[in-house]
N, C-alpha and C. Protein backbone atom coordinates (compact mmCIF):
# COMPACT_ATOMS: atom_id res chain seq x y z
N MET A 1 -5.72 18.06 11.03
CA MET A 1 -7.09 18.04 11.50
C MET A 1 -7.35 16.69 12.19
N PRO A 2 -7.84 16.70 13.40
CA PRO A 2 -8.10 15.43 14.11
C PRO A 2 -9.21 14.65 13.43
N ARG A 3 -9.07 13.38 13.50
CA ARG A 3 -10.07 12.48 12.92
C ARG A 3 -11.30 12.43 13.84
N PRO A 4 -12.52 12.56 13.29
CA PRO A 4 -13.70 12.51 14.14
C PRO A 4 -13.90 11.12 14.74
N ASP A 5 -14.45 11.06 15.94
CA ASP A 5 -14.73 9.80 16.57
C ASP A 5 -15.79 9.06 15.75
N SER A 6 -15.62 7.74 15.66
CA SER A 6 -16.53 6.94 14.87
C SER A 6 -16.75 5.61 15.56
N THR A 7 -17.96 5.12 15.51
CA THR A 7 -18.23 3.80 16.08
C THR A 7 -18.34 2.75 14.98
N GLY A 8 -18.38 3.18 13.73
CA GLY A 8 -18.48 2.24 12.61
C GLY A 8 -17.15 1.83 12.05
N PRO A 9 -17.18 0.95 11.06
CA PRO A 9 -15.91 0.50 10.44
C PRO A 9 -15.24 1.63 9.70
N ASP A 10 -13.92 1.54 9.62
CA ASP A 10 -13.15 2.50 8.85
C ASP A 10 -12.92 2.00 7.45
N TYR A 11 -13.03 2.86 6.47
CA TYR A 11 -12.76 2.51 5.07
C TYR A 11 -11.77 3.53 4.51
N ASP A 12 -10.97 3.04 3.58
CA ASP A 12 -10.09 3.93 2.86
C ASP A 12 -10.83 4.62 1.73
N VAL A 13 -11.78 3.87 1.11
CA VAL A 13 -12.53 4.35 -0.02
C VAL A 13 -13.97 3.94 0.11
N VAL A 14 -14.91 4.85 -0.23
CA VAL A 14 -16.31 4.52 -0.35
C VAL A 14 -16.76 4.81 -1.75
N ILE A 15 -17.31 3.77 -2.43
CA ILE A 15 -17.72 3.86 -3.81
C ILE A 15 -19.24 3.80 -3.83
N SER A 16 -19.87 4.79 -4.47
CA SER A 16 -21.30 4.81 -4.59
C SER A 16 -21.68 4.38 -6.00
N GLY A 17 -22.33 3.22 -6.09
CA GLY A 17 -22.71 2.64 -7.37
C GLY A 17 -21.97 1.38 -7.65
N ALA A 18 -22.69 0.23 -7.63
CA ALA A 18 -22.05 -1.06 -7.78
C ALA A 18 -22.26 -1.65 -9.17
N ALA A 19 -22.45 -0.79 -10.16
CA ALA A 19 -22.56 -1.29 -11.54
C ALA A 19 -21.16 -1.61 -12.09
N LEU A 20 -21.02 -1.64 -13.35
CA LEU A 20 -19.74 -2.08 -13.95
C LEU A 20 -18.54 -1.31 -13.45
N ALA A 21 -18.53 -0.02 -13.53
CA ALA A 21 -17.36 0.78 -13.16
C ALA A 21 -17.12 0.76 -11.67
N GLY A 22 -18.19 0.90 -10.86
CA GLY A 22 -18.03 0.88 -9.40
C GLY A 22 -17.48 -0.45 -8.91
N SER A 23 -18.03 -1.54 -9.42
CA SER A 23 -17.57 -2.87 -8.99
C SER A 23 -16.12 -3.11 -9.41
N ALA A 24 -15.78 -2.73 -10.63
CA ALA A 24 -14.40 -2.89 -11.09
C ALA A 24 -13.44 -2.09 -10.24
N ALA A 25 -13.82 -0.83 -9.93
CA ALA A 25 -12.96 0.00 -9.13
C ALA A 25 -12.78 -0.58 -7.73
N ALA A 26 -13.88 -1.11 -7.15
CA ALA A 26 -13.82 -1.72 -5.82
C ALA A 26 -12.91 -2.92 -5.79
N ILE A 27 -13.00 -3.77 -6.81
CA ILE A 27 -12.15 -4.95 -6.89
C ILE A 27 -10.69 -4.56 -6.99
N LEU A 28 -10.37 -3.64 -7.88
CA LEU A 28 -8.99 -3.26 -8.10
C LEU A 28 -8.40 -2.60 -6.84
N LEU A 29 -9.16 -1.74 -6.17
CA LEU A 29 -8.66 -1.12 -4.94
C LEU A 29 -8.47 -2.11 -3.83
N ALA A 30 -9.41 -3.04 -3.69
CA ALA A 30 -9.31 -4.04 -2.64
C ALA A 30 -8.12 -4.96 -2.88
N ARG A 31 -7.84 -5.29 -4.11
CA ARG A 31 -6.66 -6.10 -4.43
C ARG A 31 -5.39 -5.41 -4.08
N ARG A 32 -5.40 -4.10 -4.04
CA ARG A 32 -4.21 -3.30 -3.68
C ARG A 32 -4.17 -3.04 -2.17
N GLY A 33 -5.12 -3.62 -1.45
CA GLY A 33 -5.07 -3.50 -0.01
C GLY A 33 -5.98 -2.42 0.61
N ALA A 34 -6.72 -1.71 -0.19
CA ALA A 34 -7.62 -0.69 0.34
C ALA A 34 -8.84 -1.32 1.01
N ARG A 35 -9.30 -0.70 2.06
CA ARG A 35 -10.55 -1.13 2.73
C ARG A 35 -11.68 -0.38 2.03
N VAL A 36 -12.51 -1.10 1.27
CA VAL A 36 -13.48 -0.54 0.37
C VAL A 36 -14.86 -0.81 0.85
N ALA A 37 -15.71 0.25 0.82
CA ALA A 37 -17.15 0.10 1.02
C ALA A 37 -17.83 0.37 -0.31
N LEU A 38 -18.56 -0.59 -0.81
CA LEU A 38 -19.27 -0.46 -2.09
C LEU A 38 -20.74 -0.35 -1.82
N LEU A 39 -21.34 0.79 -2.18
CA LEU A 39 -22.73 1.05 -1.90
C LEU A 39 -23.58 1.02 -3.16
N GLU A 40 -24.76 0.46 -3.07
CA GLU A 40 -25.69 0.42 -4.21
C GLU A 40 -27.10 0.54 -3.68
N ARG A 41 -27.88 1.42 -4.26
CA ARG A 41 -29.26 1.63 -3.79
C ARG A 41 -30.22 0.62 -4.35
N ARG A 42 -29.89 0.03 -5.48
CA ARG A 42 -30.79 -0.94 -6.10
C ARG A 42 -30.43 -2.35 -5.64
N SER A 43 -31.44 -3.21 -5.58
CA SER A 43 -31.18 -4.60 -5.19
C SER A 43 -30.56 -5.35 -6.35
N ASP A 44 -30.71 -4.86 -7.59
CA ASP A 44 -30.16 -5.55 -8.77
C ASP A 44 -29.38 -4.51 -9.59
N PRO A 45 -28.08 -4.27 -9.24
CA PRO A 45 -27.33 -3.27 -9.98
C PRO A 45 -27.15 -3.63 -11.45
N ASP A 46 -27.26 -4.87 -11.84
CA ASP A 46 -27.13 -5.27 -13.22
C ASP A 46 -28.31 -4.81 -14.06
N GLY A 47 -29.45 -4.54 -13.45
CA GLY A 47 -30.64 -4.15 -14.14
C GLY A 47 -30.52 -2.81 -14.86
N VAL A 48 -29.70 -1.93 -14.33
CA VAL A 48 -29.54 -0.60 -14.93
C VAL A 48 -28.70 -0.61 -16.17
N GLN A 49 -27.59 -1.31 -16.15
CA GLN A 49 -26.65 -1.28 -17.28
C GLN A 49 -26.61 -2.62 -18.00
N GLY A 50 -27.57 -3.48 -17.77
CA GLY A 50 -27.54 -4.79 -18.37
C GLY A 50 -27.45 -4.78 -19.90
N ALA A 51 -27.95 -3.71 -20.52
CA ALA A 51 -27.88 -3.65 -21.96
C ALA A 51 -26.48 -3.40 -22.47
N VAL A 52 -25.60 -2.91 -21.61
CA VAL A 52 -24.23 -2.62 -22.04
C VAL A 52 -23.37 -3.86 -22.06
N TYR A 53 -23.61 -4.80 -21.18
CA TYR A 53 -22.71 -5.97 -21.06
C TYR A 53 -22.55 -6.77 -22.35
N PRO A 54 -23.59 -7.01 -23.17
CA PRO A 54 -23.33 -7.76 -24.39
C PRO A 54 -22.37 -7.03 -25.32
N LEU A 55 -22.35 -5.69 -25.28
CA LEU A 55 -21.45 -4.94 -26.13
C LEU A 55 -20.00 -5.18 -25.73
N LEU A 56 -19.73 -5.47 -24.46
CA LEU A 56 -18.37 -5.68 -24.02
C LEU A 56 -17.82 -7.01 -24.57
N ASP A 57 -18.70 -7.95 -24.87
CA ASP A 57 -18.28 -9.24 -25.42
C ASP A 57 -18.34 -9.25 -26.95
N GLY A 58 -18.64 -8.10 -27.55
CA GLY A 58 -18.72 -8.00 -29.01
C GLY A 58 -20.01 -8.54 -29.57
N GLN A 59 -21.00 -8.79 -28.73
CA GLN A 59 -22.30 -9.23 -29.22
C GLN A 59 -23.13 -8.06 -29.65
N ARG A 60 -24.11 -8.30 -30.45
CA ARG A 60 -25.03 -7.23 -30.89
C ARG A 60 -26.34 -7.32 -30.17
N LEU A 61 -26.89 -6.15 -29.85
CA LEU A 61 -28.21 -6.10 -29.27
C LEU A 61 -29.24 -6.19 -30.38
N PRO A 62 -30.43 -6.73 -30.09
CA PRO A 62 -31.49 -6.75 -31.11
C PRO A 62 -31.79 -5.35 -31.59
N GLY A 63 -31.90 -5.19 -32.89
CA GLY A 63 -32.22 -3.88 -33.46
C GLY A 63 -31.02 -2.98 -33.69
N THR A 64 -29.78 -3.48 -33.47
CA THR A 64 -28.61 -2.67 -33.71
C THR A 64 -27.81 -3.31 -34.85
N ARG A 65 -26.93 -2.52 -35.42
CA ARG A 65 -26.10 -3.05 -36.51
C ARG A 65 -24.77 -3.49 -36.03
């Protein structure tokens, strides 16, 4: 199948969502040489999953055991 004409940049991968998983995937793919476009609709992607990050460091959230 022929590739459609495009005036924009070419990417190997487009990732929708720049939170923890999307950012990690983008970094790993880019380190392997992929041309990555990372898209995020929010101006602060940390705001959505910010409550998860302390758990990754073994910290406790207030009100949890």
